[in-house]
Amino acid sequence: MYVTPLNTDLLLSEAQKEELYVKLVEQINKDFTFANESVDFETDISPINLKLQLHDKIYKLIQYKFAEYLNLLYIIDVSEEQVKKLDGSDLADLSEQVTFLILKREWQKVWFRNKL
């Protein structure tokens, strides 16, 4: 049964435990490429580095390339309703929360593809 992880660290830990971490990184790379926002995370990137680099990428997209950021959320299929609920008053906090929503959605895709 799929259970949504409560935060980024638990999500990445779960992906490793399920031996799907590499597939998660590949899914992130694939969807970012579809959105023309290439990231090239190596499949052996540590979870902490993945979290930090992804957060940095989202932060920069929100700050400098907002239309591309919205397109990325659409491509990944992040819930618009969830994004609207976020507090946008602090850009660093917002980008961290969006990073979690992206990881959560990518993890759902990987988990369902490999479990069903």
PDB file of N, CA and C in Angstrom:
ATOM      1  N   MET A   1       0.833  -1.180   0.000  1.00  0.00           N
ATOM      2  CA  MET A   1       0.000   0.000   0.000  1.00  0.00           C
ATOM      3  C   MET A   1       0.880   1.247   0.000  1.00  0.00           C
ATOM      4  N   TYR A   2       0.504   2.221  -0.822  1.00  0.00           N
ATOM      5  CA  TYR A   2       1.284   3.450  -0.913  1.00  0.00           C
ATOM      6  C   TYR A   2       0.947   4.371   0.251  1.00  0.00           C
ATOM      7  N   VAL A   3       1.984   4.830   0.944  1.00  0.00           N
ATOM      8  CA  VAL A   3       1.822   5.798   2.024  1.00  0.00           C
ATOM      9  C   VAL A   3       2.696   7.001   1.677  1.00  0.00           C
ATOM     10  N   THR A   4       2.099   8.191   1.686  1.00  0.00           N
ATOM     11  CA  THR A   4       2.836   9.399   1.351  1.00  0.00           C
ATOM     12  C   THR A   4       3.797   9.761   2.476  1.00  0.00           C
ATOM     13  N   PRO A   5       5.086   9.861   2.177  1.00  0.00           N
ATOM     14  CA  PRO A   5       6.061  10.277   3.203  1.00  0.00           C
ATOM     15  C   PRO A   5       5.764  11.698   3.689  1.00  0.00           C
ATOM     16  N   LEU A   6       6.109  11.970   4.940  1.00  0.00           N
ATOM     17  CA  LEU A   6       5.773  13.252   5.565  1.00  0.00           C
ATOM     18  C   LEU A   6       6.745  14.371   5.254  1.00  0.00           C
ATOM     19  N   ASN A   7       7.969  14.025   4.838  1.00  0.00           N
ATOM     20  CA  ASN A   7       8.934  15.071   4.499  1.00  0.00           C
ATOM     21  C   ASN A   7       9.967  14.512   3.512  1.00  0.00           C
ATOM     22  N   THR A   8      10.815  15.383   3.042  1.00  0.00           N
ATOM     23  CA  THR A   8      11.795  15.014   2.016  1.00  0.00           C
ATOM     24  C   THR A   8      12.739  13.921   2.489  1.00  0.00           C
ATOM     25  N   ASP A   9      13.247  14.052   3.712  1.00  0.00           N
ATOM     26  CA  ASP A   9      14.204  13.064   4.213  1.00  0.00           C
ATOM     27  C   ASP A   9      13.574  11.670   4.308  1.00  0.00           C
ATOM     28  N   LEU A  10      12.344  11.602   4.809  1.00  0.00           N
ATOM     29  CA  LEU A  10      11.657  10.311   4.899  1.00  0.00           C
ATOM     30  C   LEU A  10      11.380   9.739   3.512  1.00  0.00           C
ATOM     31  N   LEU A  11      11.035  10.611   2.581  1.00  0.00           N
ATOM     32  CA  LEU A  11      10.773  10.165   1.216  1.00  0.00           C
ATOM     33  C   LEU A  11      12.026   9.552   0.598  1.00  0.00           C
ATOM     34  N   LEU A  12      13.144  10.244   0.720  1.00  0.00           N
ATOM     35  CA  LEU A  12      14.393   9.741   0.126  1.00  0.00           C
ATOM     36  C   LEU A  12      14.852   8.458   0.823  1.00  0.00           C
ATOM     37  N   SER A  13      14.640   8.388   2.120  1.00  0.00           N
ATOM     38  CA  SER A  13      14.969   7.180   2.876  1.00  0.00           C
ATOM     39  C   SER A  13      14.111   6.003   2.412  1.00  0.00           C
ATOM     40  N   GLU A  14      12.835   6.267   2.200  1.00  0.00           N
ATOM     41  CA  GLU A  14      11.915   5.229   1.718  1.00  0.00           C
ATOM     42  C   GLU A  14      12.329   4.752   0.321  1.00  0.00           C
ATOM     43  N   ALA A  15      12.699   5.685  -0.543  1.00  0.00           N
ATOM     44  CA  ALA A  15      13.131   5.316  -1.897  1.00  0.00           C
ATOM     45  C   ALA A  15      14.347   4.405  -1.844  1.00  0.00           C
ATOM     46  N   GLN A  16      15.275   4.695  -0.936  1.00  0.00           N
ATOM     47  CA  GLN A  16      16.456   3.845  -0.793  1.00  0.00           C
ATOM     48  C   GLN A  16      16.070   2.469  -0.243  1.00  0.00           C
ATOM     49  N   LYS A  17      15.221   2.472   0.766  1.00  0.00           N
ATOM     50  CA  LYS A  17      14.801   1.217   1.385  1.00  0.00           C
ATOM     51  C   LYS A  17      14.102   0.313   0.374  1.00  0.00           C
ATOM     52  N   GLU A  18      13.293   0.912  -0.481  1.00  0.00           N
ATOM     53  CA  GLU A  18      12.558   0.160  -1.501  1.00  0.00           C
ATOM     54  C   GLU A  18      13.442  -0.171  -2.717  1.00  0.00           C
ATOM     55  N   GLU A  19      14.688   0.285  -2.671  1.00  0.00           N
ATOM     56  CA  GLU A  19      15.643   0.097  -3.768  1.00  0.00           C
ATOM     57  C   GLU A  19      15.138   0.721  -5.072  1.00  0.00           C
ATOM     58  N   LEU A  20      14.499   1.877  -4.925  1.00  0.00           N
ATOM     59  CA  LEU A  20      13.980   2.605  -6.086  1.00  0.00           C
ATOM     60  C   LEU A  20      14.579   4.004  -6.192  1.00  0.00           C
ATOM     61  N   TYR A  21      15.597   4.272  -5.407  1.00  0.00           N
ATOM     62  CA  TYR A  21      16.203   5.604  -5.399  1.00  0.00           C
ATOM     63  C   TYR A  21      16.756   5.973  -6.775  1.00  0.00           C
ATOM     64  N   VAL A  22      17.441   5.042  -7.424  1.00  0.00           N
ATOM     65  CA  VAL A  22      18.012   5.313  -8.757  1.00  0.00           C
ATOM     66  C   VAL A  22      16.894   5.647  -9.738  1.00  0.00           C
ATOM     67  N   LYS A  23      15.805   4.910  -9.660  1.00  0.00           N
ATOM     68  CA  LYS A  23      14.672   5.177 -10.554  1.00  0.00           C
ATOM     69  C   LYS A  23      14.051   6.548 -10.264  1.00  0.00           C
ATOM     70  N   LEU A  24      14.043   6.946  -9.008  1.00  0.00           N
ATOM     71  CA  LEU A  24      13.539   8.271  -8.638  1.00  0.00           C
ATOM     72  C   LEU A  24      14.410   9.358  -9.274  1.00  0.00           C
ATOM     73  N   VAL A  25      15.709   9.212  -9.170  1.00  0.00           N
ATOM     74  CA  VAL A  25      16.629  10.193  -9.771  1.00  0.00           C
ATOM     75  C   VAL A  25      16.440  10.226 -11.286  1.00  0.00           C
ATOM     76  N   GLU A  26      16.285   9.060 -11.902  1.00  0.00           N
ATOM     77  CA  GLU A  26      16.079   9.001 -13.352  1.00  0.00           C
ATOM     78  C   GLU A  26      14.772   9.683 -13.746  1.00  0.00           C
ATOM     79  N   GLN A  27      13.723   9.497 -12.949  1.00  0.00           N
ATOM     80  CA  GLN A  27      12.425  10.126 -13.226  1.00  0.00           C
ATOM     81  C   GLN A  27      12.532  11.642 -13.129  1.00  0.00           C
ATOM     82  N   ILE A  28      13.241  12.124 -12.130  1.00  0.00           N
ATOM     83  CA  ILE A  28      13.447  13.572 -11.978  1.00  0.00           C
ATOM     84  C   ILE A  28      14.180  14.122 -13.198  1.00  0.00           C
ATOM     85  N   ASN A  29      15.261  13.472 -13.589  1.00  0.00           N
ATOM     86  CA  ASN A  29      16.018  13.905 -14.770  1.00  0.00           C
ATOM     87  C   ASN A  29      15.128  13.932 -16.013  1.00  0.00           C
ATOM     88  N   LYS A  30      14.317  12.884 -16.178  1.00  0.00           N
ATOM     89  CA  LYS A  30      13.459  12.765 -17.354  1.00  0.00           C
ATOM     90  C   LYS A  30      12.432  13.898 -17.413  1.00  0.00           C
ATOM     91  N   ASP A  31      11.751  14.144 -16.299  1.00  0.00           N
ATOM     92  CA  ASP A  31      10.709  15.174 -16.307  1.00  0.00           C
ATOM     93  C   ASP A  31      11.285  16.583 -16.455  1.00  0.00           C
ATOM     94  N   PHE A  32      12.436  16.822 -15.858  1.00  0.00           N
ATOM     95  CA  PHE A  32      13.070  18.134 -16.029  1.00  0.00           C
ATOM     96  C   PHE A  32      13.475  18.325 -17.493  1.00  0.00           C
ATOM     97  N   THR A  33      13.945  17.271 -18.135  1.00  0.00           N
ATOM     98  CA  THR A  33      14.311  17.347 -19.546  1.00  0.00           C
ATOM     99  C   THR A  33      13.081  17.644 -20.401  1.00  0.00           C
ATOM    100  N   PHE A  34      11.954  16.962 -20.112  1.00  0.00           N
ATOM    101  CA  PHE A  34      10.704  17.239 -20.836  1.00  0.00           C
ATOM    102  C   PHE A  34      10.308  18.700 -20.715  1.00  0.00           C
ATOM    103  N   ALA A  35      10.599  19.296 -19.573  1.00  0.00           N
ATOM    104  CA  ALA A  35      10.235  20.700 -19.330  1.00  0.00           C
ATOM    105  C   ALA A  35      11.307  21.670 -19.840  1.00  0.00           C
ATOM    106  N   ASN A  36      12.305  21.146 -20.541  1.00  0.00           N
ATOM    107  CA  ASN A  36      13.423  21.952 -21.053  1.00  0.00           C
ATOM    108  C   ASN A  36      14.185  22.670 -19.942  1.00  0.00           C
ATOM    109  N   GLU A  37      14.271  22.039 -18.796  1.00  0.00           N
ATOM    110  CA  GLU A  37      15.035  22.562 -17.669  1.00  0.00           C
ATOM    111  C   GLU A  37      15.981  21.460 -17.211  1.00  0.00           C
ATOM    112  N   SER A  38      16.916  21.129 -18.059  1.00  0.00           N
ATOM    113  CA  SER A  38      17.774  19.986 -17.793  1.00  0.00           C
ATOM    114  C   SER A  38      18.511  20.092 -16.466  1.00  0.00           C
ATOM    115  N   VAL A  39      18.439  19.012 -15.762  1.00  0.00           N
ATOM    116  CA  VAL A  39      19.301  18.771 -14.614  1.00  0.00           C
ATOM    117  C   VAL A  39      19.937  17.437 -14.941  1.00  0.00           C
ATOM    118  N   ASP A  40      21.117  17.244 -14.495  1.00  0.00           N
ATOM    119  CA  ASP A  40      21.773  15.981 -14.814  1.00  0.00           C
ATOM    120  C   ASP A  40      22.289  15.368 -13.524  1.00  0.00           C
ATOM    121  N   PHE A  41      21.342  14.921 -12.702  1.00  0.00           N
ATOM    122  CA  PHE A  41      21.728  14.283 -11.460  1.00  0.00           C
ATOM    123  C   PHE A  41      22.263  12.893 -11.758  1.00  0.00           C
ATOM    124  N   GLU A  42      23.466  12.629 -11.282  1.00  0.00           N
ATOM    125  CA  GLU A  42      24.028  11.289 -11.422  1.00  0.00           C
ATOM    126  C   GLU A  42      23.193  10.341 -10.574  1.00  0.00           C
ATOM    127  N   THR A  43      23.042   9.099 -11.018  1.00  0.00           N
ATOM    128  CA  THR A  43      22.203   8.161 -10.273  1.00  0.00           C
ATOM    129  C   THR A  43      22.815   7.777  -8.923  1.00  0.00           C
ATOM    130  N   ASP A  44      24.097   8.078  -8.738  1.00  0.00           N
ATOM    131  CA  ASP A  44      24.723   7.769  -7.439  1.00  0.00           C
ATOM    132  C   ASP A  44      24.820   9.013  -6.543  1.00  0.00           C
ATOM    133  N   ILE A  45      24.080  10.072  -6.886  1.00  0.00           N
ATOM    134  CA  ILE A  45      24.077  11.277  -6.055  1.00  0.00           C
ATOM    135  C   ILE A  45      23.515  10.925  -4.668  1.00  0.00           C
ATOM    136  N   SER A  46      24.108  11.487  -3.655  1.00  0.00           N
ATOM    137  CA  SER A  46      23.615  11.204  -2.302  1.00  0.00           C
ATOM    138  C   SER A  46      22.267  11.888  -2.104  1.00  0.00           C
ATOM    139  N   PRO A  47      21.416  11.325  -1.270  1.00  0.00           N
ATOM    140  CA  PRO A  47      20.109  11.951  -1.024  1.00  0.00           C
ATOM    141  C   PRO A  47      20.224  13.405  -0.548  1.00  0.00           C
ATOM    142  N   ILE A  48      21.182  13.697   0.303  1.00  0.00           N
ATOM    143  CA  ILE A  48      21.322  15.073   0.791  1.00  0.00           C
ATOM    144  C   ILE A  48      21.703  16.021  -0.341  1.00  0.00           C
ATOM    145  N   ASN A  49      22.591  15.574  -1.236  1.00  0.00           N
ATOM    146  CA  ASN A  49      22.972  16.415  -2.379  1.00  0.00           C
ATOM    147  C   ASN A  49      21.826  16.565  -3.375  1.00  0.00           C
ATOM    148  N   LEU A  50      21.061  15.505  -3.573  1.00  0.00           N
ATOM    149  CA  LEU A  50      19.893  15.595  -4.446  1.00  0.00           C
ATOM    150  C   LEU A  50      18.921  16.637  -3.897  1.00  0.00           C
ATOM    151  N   LYS A  51      18.655  16.543  -2.607  1.00  0.00           N
ATOM    152  CA  LYS A  51      17.740  17.481  -1.949  1.00  0.00           C
ATOM    153  C   LYS A  51      18.241  18.916  -2.083  1.00  0.00           C
ATOM    154  N   LEU A  52      19.515  19.156  -1.813  1.00  0.00           N
ATOM    155  CA  LEU A  52      20.074  20.505  -1.863  1.00  0.00           C
ATOM    156  C   LEU A  52      20.113  21.062  -3.285  1.00  0.00           C
ATOM    157  N   GLN A  53      20.549  20.254  -4.233  1.00  0.00           N
ATOM    158  CA  GLN A  53      20.655  20.724  -5.617  1.00  0.00           C
ATOM    159  C   GLN A  53      19.277  20.952  -6.245  1.00  0.00           C
ATOM    160  N   LEU A  54      18.331  20.083  -5.914  1.00  0.00           N
ATOM    161  CA  LEU A  54      16.976  20.249  -6.432  1.00  0.00           C
ATOM    162  C   LEU A  54      16.345  21.510  -5.834  1.00  0.00           C
ATOM    163  N   HIS A  55      16.544  21.717  -4.557  1.00  0.00           N
ATOM    164  CA  HIS A  55      16.037  22.923  -3.889  1.00  0.00           C
ATOM    165  C   HIS A  55      16.630  24.174  -4.546  1.00  0.00           C
ATOM    166  N   ASP A  56      17.922  24.153  -4.800  1.00  0.00           N
ATOM    167  CA  ASP A  56      18.592  25.289  -5.438  1.00  0.00           C
ATOM    168  C   ASP A  56      18.017  25.554  -6.832  1.00  0.00           C
ATOM    169  N   LYS A  57      17.788  24.500  -7.590  1.00  0.00           N
ATOM    170  CA  LYS A  57      17.232  24.638  -8.944  1.00  0.00           C
ATOM    171  C   LYS A  57      15.829  25.256  -8.887  1.00  0.00           C
ATOM    172  N   ILE A  58      14.998  24.776  -7.970  1.00  0.00           N
ATOM    173  CA  ILE A  58      13.640  25.300  -7.842  1.00  0.00           C
ATOM    174  C   ILE A  58      13.673  26.761  -7.395  1.00  0.00           C
ATOM    175  N   TYR A  59      14.537  27.074  -6.450  1.00  0.00           N
ATOM    176  CA  TYR A  59      14.693  28.447  -5.960  1.00  0.00           C
ATOM    177  C   TYR A  59      15.013  29.387  -7.121  1.00  0.00           C
ATOM    178  N   LYS A  60      15.966  28.990  -7.951  1.00  0.00           N
ATOM    179  CA  LYS A  60      16.370  29.836  -9.082  1.00  0.00           C
ATOM    180  C   LYS A  60      15.256  29.946 -10.131  1.00  0.00           C
ATOM    181  N   LEU A  61      14.534  28.853 -10.354  1.00  0.00           N
ATOM    182  CA  LEU A  61      13.429  28.913 -11.312  1.00  0.00           C
ATOM    183  C   LEU A  61      12.345  29.882 -10.840  1.00  0.00           C
ATOM    184  N   ILE A  62      11.982  29.792  -9.566  1.00  0.00           N
ATOM    185  CA  ILE A  62      10.947  30.685  -9.036  1.00  0.00           C
ATOM    186  C   ILE A  62      11.405  32.136  -9.146  1.00  0.00           C
ATOM    187  N   GLN A  63      12.663  32.364  -8.824  1.00  0.00           N
ATOM    188  CA  GLN A  63      13.183  33.728  -8.782  1.00  0.00           C
ATOM    189  C   GLN A  63      13.405  34.329 -10.167  1.00  0.00           C
ATOM    190  N   TYR A  64      13.934  33.537 -11.099  1.00  0.00           N
ATOM    191  CA  TYR A  64      14.374  34.104 -12.384  1.00  0.00           C
ATOM    192  C   TYR A  64      13.602  33.618 -13.614  1.00  0.00           C
ATOM    193  N   LYS A  65      12.940  32.474 -13.522  1.00  0.00           N
ATOM    194  CA  LYS A  65      12.285  31.891 -14.693  1.00  0.00           C
ATOM    195  C   LYS A  65      10.915  31.345 -14.283  1.00  0.00           C
ATOM    196  N   PHE A  66      10.030  32.232 -13.864  1.00  0.00           N
ATOM    197  CA  PHE A  66       8.765  31.803 -13.273  1.00  0.00           C
ATOM    198  C   PHE A  66       7.893  31.012 -14.252  1.00  0.00           C
ATOM    199  N   ALA A  67       7.832  31.434 -15.505  1.00  0.00           N
ATOM    200  CA  ALA A  67       7.018  30.714 -16.495  1.00  0.00           C
ATOM    201  C   ALA A  67       7.536  29.282 -16.676  1.00  0.00           C
ATOM    202  N   GLU A  68       8.853  29.120 -16.708  1.00  0.00           N
ATOM    203  CA  GLU A  68       9.453  27.798 -16.841  1.00  0.00           C
ATOM    204  C   GLU A  68       9.180  26.948 -15.593  1.00  0.00           C
ATOM    205  N   TYR A  69       9.180  27.604 -14.429  1.00  0.00           N
ATOM    206  CA  TYR A  69       8.849  26.930 -13.168  1.00  0.00           C
ATOM    207  C   TYR A  69       7.425  26.377 -13.231  1.00  0.00           C
ATOM    208  N   LEU A  70       6.480  27.200 -13.680  1.00  0.00           N
ATOM    209  CA  LEU A  70       5.089  26.746 -13.787  1.00  0.00           C
ATOM    210  C   LEU A  70       4.961  25.601 -14.785  1.00  0.00           C
ATOM    211  N   ASN A  71       5.676  25.695 -15.890  1.00  0.00           N
ATOM    212  CA  ASN A  71       5.665  24.624 -16.879  1.00  0.00           C
ATOM    213  C   ASN A  71       6.204  23.326 -16.280  1.00  0.00           C
ATOM    214  N   LEU A  72       7.266  23.427 -15.509  1.00  0.00           N
ATOM    215  CA  LEU A  72       7.847  22.248 -14.862  1.00  0.00           C
ATOM    216  C   LEU A  72       6.820  21.587 -13.937  1.00  0.00           C
ATOM    217  N   LEU A  73       6.137  22.386 -13.126  1.00  0.00           N
ATOM    218  CA  LEU A  73       5.121  21.830 -12.219  1.00  0.00           C
ATOM    219  C   LEU A  73       4.028  21.123 -13.014  1.00  0.00           C
ATOM    220  N   TYR A  74       3.663  21.702 -14.156  1.00  0.00           N
ATOM    221  CA  TYR A  74       2.650  21.090 -15.017  1.00  0.00           C
ATOM    222  C   TYR A  74       3.149  19.760 -15.582  1.00  0.00           C
ATOM    223  N   ILE A  75       4.371  19.739 -16.084  1.00  0.00           N
ATOM    224  CA  ILE A  75       4.948  18.524 -16.671  1.00  0.00           C
ATOM    225  C   ILE A  75       5.030  17.408 -15.618  1.00  0.00           C
ATOM    226  N   ILE A  76       5.480  17.760 -14.428  1.00  0.00           N
ATOM    227  CA  ILE A  76       5.629  16.756 -13.363  1.00  0.00           C
ATOM    228  C   ILE A  76       4.261  16.351 -12.824  1.00  0.00           C
ATOM    229  N   ASP A  77       3.270  17.223 -12.974  1.00  0.00           N
ATOM    230  CA  ASP A  77       1.908  16.983 -12.502  1.00  0.00           C
ATOM    231  C   ASP A  77       1.808  17.173 -10.991  1.00  0.00           C
ATOM    232  N   VAL A  78       2.423  18.252 -10.525  1.00  0.00           N
ATOM    233  CA  VAL A  78       2.290  18.638  -9.114  1.00  0.00           C
ATOM    234  C   VAL A  78       0.920  19.281  -8.949  1.00  0.00           C
ATOM    235  N   SER A  79       0.228  18.912  -7.894  1.00  0.00           N
ATOM    236  CA  SER A  79      -1.118  19.415  -7.640  1.00  0.00           C
ATOM    237  C   SER A  79      -1.129  20.933  -7.495  1.00  0.00           C
ATOM    238  N   GLU A  80      -1.894  21.582  -8.368  1.00  0.00           N
ATOM    239  CA  GLU A  80      -2.025  23.043  -8.315  1.00  0.00           C
ATOM    240  C   GLU A  80      -2.638  23.462  -6.978  1.00  0.00           C
ATOM    241  N   GLU A  81      -3.574  22.659  -6.502  1.00  0.00           N
ATOM    242  CA  GLU A  81      -4.228  22.937  -5.223  1.00  0.00           C
ATOM    243  C   GLU A  81      -3.212  22.949  -4.075  1.00  0.00           C
ATOM    244  N   GLN A  82      -2.289  21.983  -4.080  1.00  0.00           N
ATOM    245  CA  GLN A  82      -1.265  21.932  -3.031  1.00  0.00           C
ATOM    246  C   GLN A  82      -0.323  23.130  -3.112  1.00  0.00           C
ATOM    247  N   VAL A  83       0.037  23.519  -4.318  1.00  0.00           N
ATOM    248  CA  VAL A  83       0.944  24.654  -4.501  1.00  0.00           C
ATOM    249  C   VAL A  83       0.279  25.940  -4.011  1.00  0.00           C
ATOM    250  N   LYS A  84      -1.004  26.099  -4.309  1.00  0.00           N
ATOM    251  CA  LYS A  84      -1.722  27.308  -3.896  1.00  0.00           C
ATOM    252  C   LYS A  84      -1.826  27.432  -2.379  1.00  0.00           C
ATOM    253  N   LYS A  85      -1.767  26.324  -1.671  1.00  0.00           N
ATOM    254  CA  LYS A  85      -1.858  26.327  -0.203  1.00  0.00           C
ATOM    255  C   LYS A  85      -0.558  26.787   0.465  1.00  0.00           C
ATOM    256  N   LEU A  86       0.536  26.814  -0.287  1.00  0.00           N
ATOM    257  CA  LEU A  86       1.831  27.157   0.294  1.00  0.00           C
ATOM    258  C   LEU A  86       1.939  28.649   0.581  1.00  0.00           C
ATOM    259  N   ASP A  87       2.712  28.976   1.607  1.00  0.00           N
ATOM    260  CA  ASP A  87       2.971  30.368   1.971  1.00  0.00           C
ATOM    261  C   ASP A  87       4.153  30.860   1.139  1.00  0.00           C
ATOM    262  N   GLY A  88       3.901  31.830   0.284  1.00  0.00           N
ATOM    263  CA  GLY A  88       4.942  32.317  -0.610  1.00  0.00           C
ATOM    264  C   GLY A  88       5.710  33.517  -0.089  1.00  0.00           C
ATOM    265  N   SER A  89       5.569  33.820   1.197  1.00  0.00           N
ATOM    266  CA  SER A  89       6.203  35.039   1.723  1.00  0.00           C
ATOM    267  C   SER A  89       7.723  34.922   1.831  1.00  0.00           C
ATOM    268  N   ASP A  90       8.238  33.720   1.973  1.00  0.00           N
ATOM    269  CA  ASP A  90       9.687  33.498   2.045  1.00  0.00           C
ATOM    270  C   ASP A  90      10.086  32.576   0.910  1.00  0.00           C
ATOM    271  N   LEU A  91      10.872  33.099  -0.023  1.00  0.00           N
ATOM    272  CA  LEU A  91      11.222  32.350  -1.229  1.00  0.00           C
ATOM    273  C   LEU A  91      11.984  31.067  -0.921  1.00  0.00           C
ATOM    274  N   ALA A  92      12.873  31.092   0.050  1.00  0.00           N
ATOM    275  CA  ALA A  92      13.635  29.893   0.405  1.00  0.00           C
ATOM    276  C   ALA A  92      12.711  28.816   0.962  1.00  0.00           C
ATOM    277  N   ASP A  93      11.798  29.205   1.842  1.00  0.00           N
ATOM    278  CA  ASP A  93      10.840  28.240   2.397  1.00  0.00           C
ATOM    279  C   ASP A  93       9.917  27.704   1.314  1.00  0.00           C
ATOM    280  N   LEU A  94       9.446  28.600   0.458  1.00  0.00           N
ATOM    281  CA  LEU A  94       8.555  28.184  -0.619  1.00  0.00           C
ATOM    282  C   LEU A  94       9.248  27.171  -1.524  1.00  0.00           C
ATOM    283  N   SER A  95      10.472  27.462  -1.925  1.00  0.00           N
ATOM    284  CA  SER A  95      11.171  26.546  -2.837  1.00  0.00           C
ATOM    285  C   SER A  95      11.447  25.205  -2.158  1.00  0.00           C
ATOM    286  N   GLU A  96      11.673  25.212  -0.853  1.00  0.00           N
ATOM    287  CA  GLU A  96      11.863  23.954  -0.125  1.00  0.00           C
ATOM    288  C   GLU A  96      10.570  23.139  -0.116  1.00  0.00           C
ATOM    289  N   GLN A  97       9.447  23.802   0.099  1.00  0.00           N
ATOM    290  CA  GLN A  97       8.163  23.111   0.102  1.00  0.00           C
ATOM    291  C   GLN A  97       7.805  22.584  -1.288  1.00  0.00           C
ATOM    292  N   VAL A  98       8.090  23.361  -2.310  1.00  0.00           N
ATOM    293  CA  VAL A  98       7.822  22.930  -3.681  1.00  0.00           C
ATOM    294  C   VAL A  98       8.728  21.757  -4.048  1.00  0.00           C
ATOM    295  N   THR A  99       9.968  21.806  -3.588  1.00  0.00           N
ATOM    296  CA  THR A  99      10.886  20.686  -3.821  1.00  0.00           C
ATOM    297  C   THR A  99      10.290  19.399  -3.261  1.00  0.00           C
ATOM    298  N   PHE A 100       9.727  19.479  -2.069  1.00  0.00           N
ATOM    299  CA  PHE A 100       9.088  18.302  -1.474  1.00  0.00           C
ATOM    300  C   PHE A 100       7.891  17.846  -2.311  1.00  0.00           C
ATOM    301  N   LEU A 101       7.069  18.778  -2.779  1.00  0.00           N
ATOM    302  CA  LEU A 101       5.917  18.396  -3.612  1.00  0.00           C
ATOM    303  C   LEU A 101       6.375  17.714  -4.904  1.00  0.00           C
ATOM    304  N   ILE A 102       7.447  18.215  -5.492  1.00  0.00           N
ATOM    305  CA  ILE A 102       7.994  17.605  -6.712  1.00  0.00           C
ATOM    306  C   ILE A 102       8.495  16.194  -6.406  1.00  0.00           C
ATOM    307  N   LEU A 103       9.282  16.076  -5.356  1.00  0.00           N
ATOM    308  CA  LEU A 103       9.797  14.754  -4.985  1.00  0.00           C
ATOM    309  C   LEU A 103       8.656  13.787  -4.669  1.00  0.00           C
ATOM    310  N   LYS A 104       7.653  14.285  -3.994  1.00  0.00           N
ATOM    311  CA  LYS A 104       6.512  13.439  -3.627  1.00  0.00           C
ATOM    312  C   LYS A 104       5.812  12.917  -4.879  1.00  0.00           C
ATOM    313  N   ARG A 105       5.593  13.801  -5.852  1.00  0.00           N
ATOM    314  CA  ARG A 105       4.911  13.392  -7.085  1.00  0.00           C
ATOM    315  C   ARG A 105       5.786  12.441  -7.897  1.00  0.00           C
ATOM    316  N   GLU A 106       7.073  12.715  -7.984  1.00  0.00           N
ATOM    317  CA  GLU A 106       7.976  11.830  -8.724  1.00  0.00           C
ATOM    318  C   GLU A 106       8.043  10.461  -8.037  1.00  0.00           C
ATOM    319  N   TRP A 107       8.052  10.467  -6.716  1.00  0.00           N
ATOM    320  CA  TRP A 107       8.098   9.212  -5.971  1.00  0.00           C
ATOM    321  C   TRP A 107       6.820   8.407  -6.215  1.00  0.00           C
ATOM    322  N   GLN A 108       5.677   9.064  -6.270  1.00  0.00           N
ATOM    323  CA  GLN A 108       4.422   8.358  -6.576  1.00  0.00           C
ATOM    324  C   GLN A 108       4.522   7.652  -7.920  1.00  0.00           C
ATOM    325  N   LYS A 109       5.006   8.361  -8.916  1.00  0.00           N
ATOM    326  CA  LYS A 109       5.132   7.771 -10.254  1.00  0.00           C
ATOM    327  C   LYS A 109       6.013   6.529 -10.220  1.00  0.00           C
ATOM    328  N   VAL A 110       7.182   6.662  -9.594  1.00  0.00           N
ATOM    329  CA  VAL A 110       8.142   5.551  -9.542  1.00  0.00           C
ATOM    330  C   VAL A 110       7.569   4.387  -8.737  1.00  0.00           C
ATOM    331  N   TRP A 111       6.992   4.683  -7.600  1.00  0.00           N
ATOM    332  CA  TRP A 111       6.466   3.633  -6.722  1.00  0.00           C
ATOM    333  C   TRP A 111       5.370   2.851  -7.421  1.00  0.00           C
ATOM    334  N   PHE A 112       4.393   3.568  -7.991  1.00  0.00           N
ATOM    335  CA  PHE A 112       3.283   2.881  -8.644  1.00  0.00           C
ATOM    336  C   PHE A 112       3.741   2.064  -9.853  1.00  0.00           C
ATOM    337  N   ARG A 113       4.657   2.611 -10.618  1.00  0.00           N
ATOM    338  CA  ARG A 113       5.157   1.893 -11.794  1.00  0.00           C
ATOM    339  C   ARG A 113       5.846   0.592 -11.405  1.00  0.00           C
ATOM    340  N   ASN A 114       6.476   0.586 -10.231  1.00  0.00           N
ATOM    341  CA  ASN A 114       7.237  -0.580  -9.825  1.00  0.00           C
ATOM    342  C   ASN A 114       6.489  -1.513  -8.883  1.00  0.00           C
ATOM    343  N   LYS A 115       5.368  -1.090  -8.374  1.00  0.00           N
ATOM    344  CA  LYS A 115       4.629  -1.922  -7.423  1.00  0.00           C
ATOM    345  C   LYS A 115       3.344  -2.491  -7.981  1.00  0.00           C
ATOM    346  N   LEU A 116       2.821  -1.910  -9.033  1.00  0.00           N
ATOM    347  CA  LEU A 116       1.528  -2.369  -9.554  1.00  0.00           C
ATOM    348  C   LEU A 116       1.688  -3.093 -10.856  1.00  0.00           C
TER     349      LEU A 116
END
